[in-house]
Amino acid sequence: MATKKKTAVKKPAPKKVTPVVRKSNDQRMVVDFSDESKALIEKLIDALKKPTIQSSDAVVHEQAAPEEKSDNKISLTQIRETINEKAGQGKTAAIVKLLDGYGAQSASTLSEDNYSAFFTDLKEL
């Protein structure tokens, strides 16, 4: 009786999902992604387009635009920078007293209507 030899069955290696890069005629790089990668990229793009915080007047995205500095209008950033400068000079108690005089506990609770007057008083400390 002849015995059969068992041969090992090789399992195929798992497929690697790697983008295929090729050059087109106009020398730009073209990348072909798998369908799964394309779906993931679309989900990421959609998630980034969605607003994260809503106010009553407008939709605000997480990254706010930098405050513009105009010649005649004082920004909160300018006030904060000056507060930090004066606090570094040891005038923290005077700053707190000045804020209290404008009905605020911090620069962020200061009314925008008072920015200019507060800034002028702050500079005089």
Protein backbone atom coordinates (compact mmCIF):
# COMPACT_ATOMS: atom_id res chain seq x y z
CA MET A 1 0.00 0.00 0.00
CA ALA A 2 1.29 3.33 -1.00
CA THR A 3 1.04 6.21 1.41
CA LYS A 4 0.23 9.66 0.26
CA LYS A 5 2.48 12.47 1.24
CA LYS A 6 0.78 15.44 2.79
CA THR A 7 1.72 18.68 1.17
CA ALA A 8 1.49 21.91 3.04
CA VAL A 9 -1.10 24.28 1.69
CA LYS A 10 0.29 27.77 1.47
CA LYS A 11 -2.06 30.50 2.51
CA PRO A 12 -1.91 33.61 0.39
CA ALA A 13 -0.28 36.56 2.09
CA PRO A 14 -2.75 39.25 3.23
CA LYS A 15 -3.20 42.02 0.72
CA LYS A 16 -1.47 45.23 1.55
CA VAL A 17 -3.53 48.31 0.85
CA THR A 18 -1.01 50.74 -0.49
CA PRO A 19 -1.69 53.63 -2.81
CA VAL A 20 -0.42 53.27 -6.34
CA VAL A 21 1.55 56.29 -7.47
CA ARG A 22 1.98 57.03 -11.13
CA LYS A 23 2.91 60.03 -13.19
CA SER A 24 0.48 61.37 -15.71
CA ASN A 25 1.44 63.12 -18.91
CA ASP A 26 1.56 66.55 -17.30
CA GLN A 27 4.06 65.35 -14.65
CA ARG A 28 1.66 65.59 -11.70
CA MET A 29 1.61 62.72 -9.25
CA VAL A 30 -1.59 60.70 -9.32
CA VAL A 31 -2.43 58.43 -6.41
CA ASP A 32 -4.99 55.65 -6.70
CA PHE A 33 -6.51 54.74 -3.33
CA SER A 34 -8.61 51.72 -2.46
CA ASP A 35 -12.36 52.18 -2.07
CA GLU A 36 -12.01 51.87 1.71
CA SER A 37 -9.39 54.63 1.77
CA LYS A 38 -11.52 56.86 -0.42
CA ALA A 39 -14.52 56.39 1.90
CA LEU A 40 -12.40 57.23 4.94
CA ILE A 41 -11.04 60.36 3.27
CA GLU A 42 -14.59 61.48 2.38
CA LYS A 43 -15.70 60.97 6.01
CA LEU A 44 -12.77 63.05 7.25
CA ILE A 45 -13.53 65.86 4.83
CA ASP A 46 -17.21 65.87 5.86
CA ALA A 47 -16.27 65.91 9.55
CA LEU A 48 -13.94 68.87 9.03
CA LYS A 49 -16.64 70.83 7.23
CA LYS A 50 -19.16 70.48 10.08
CA PRO A 51 -19.40 73.38 12.54
CA THR A 52 -18.36 72.56 16.08
CA ILE A 53 -19.88 75.43 18.08
CA GLN A 54 -23.01 77.39 17.28
CA SER A 55 -23.94 80.82 18.55
CA SER A 56 -27.34 82.44 18.18
CA ASP A 57 -26.22 84.75 15.36
CA ALA A 58 -23.71 82.75 13.33
CA VAL A 59 -21.93 79.45 13.06
CA VAL A 60 -18.50 79.59 14.66
CA HIS A 61 -15.79 77.10 13.80
CA GLU A 62 -13.34 75.89 16.40
CA GLN A 63 -10.48 77.92 15.00
CA ALA A 64 -11.49 81.56 15.16
CA ALA A 65 -10.01 84.14 12.85
CA PRO A 66 -7.33 86.31 14.44
CA GLU A 67 -8.58 89.58 15.84
CA GLU A 68 -8.01 92.50 13.54
CA LYS A 69 -6.24 95.51 14.94
CA SER A 70 -7.53 98.77 13.61
CA ASP A 71 -6.15 102.18 14.49
CA ASN A 72 -9.25 103.42 16.33
CA LYS A 73 -10.56 100.21 17.88
CA ILE A 74 -8.95 98.38 20.79
CA SER A 75 -9.00 94.58 20.67
CA LEU A 76 -9.19 92.13 23.54
CA THR A 77 -5.76 90.87 22.50
CA GLN A 78 -4.27 94.35 22.95
CA ILE A 79 -5.89 94.60 26.39
CA ARG A 80 -4.56 91.19 27.44
CA GLU A 81 -1.04 92.00 26.22
CA THR A 82 -1.05 95.26 28.20
CA ILE A 83 -2.44 93.51 31.29
CA ASN A 84 0.39 90.96 31.09
CA GLU A 85 2.93 93.76 30.69
CA LYS A 86 1.57 95.68 33.70
CA ALA A 87 1.26 92.52 35.80
CA GLY A 88 4.93 91.84 35.07
CA GLN A 89 5.66 95.26 36.56
CA GLY A 90 3.94 94.23 39.81
CA LYS A 91 0.68 96.11 39.21
CA THR A 92 -1.69 93.14 39.54
CA ALA A 93 -3.67 94.64 42.45
CA ALA A 94 -4.21 97.87 40.51
CA ILE A 95 -5.35 95.90 37.45
CA VAL A 96 -7.89 93.95 39.52
CA LYS A 97 -9.18 97.18 41.05
CA LEU A 98 -9.45 98.79 37.59
CA LEU A 99 -11.33 95.77 36.19
CA ASP A 100 -13.69 95.89 39.18
CA GLY A 101 -14.36 99.58 38.46
CA TYR A 102 -15.59 98.54 34.99
CA GLY A 103 -17.76 95.75 36.45
CA ALA A 104 -15.53 92.93 35.18
CA GLN A 105 -13.69 90.12 36.93
CA SER A 106 -11.30 89.51 34.03
CA ALA A 107 -10.45 90.91 30.61
CA SER A 108 -12.77 88.42 28.93
CA THR A 109 -15.76 89.62 30.99
CA LEU A 110 -15.09 93.28 30.15
CA SER A 111 -17.80 94.82 27.94
CA GLU A 112 -16.59 95.70 24.42
CA ASP A 113 -18.11 99.16 24.89
CA ASN A 114 -15.54 99.76 27.65
CA TYR A 115 -12.45 98.51 25.79
CA SER A 116 -11.17 101.92 24.75
CA ALA A 117 -11.69 103.65 28.12
CA PHE A 118 -10.32 100.66 30.05
CA PHE A 119 -7.27 100.48 27.77
CA THR A 120 -6.55 104.18 28.30
CA ASP A 121 -6.82 103.79 32.10
CA LEU A 122 -4.72 100.63 31.98
CA LYS A 123 -1.91 102.37 30.09
CA GLU A 124 -1.82 105.07 32.79
CA LEU A 125 -1.09 102.57 35.58
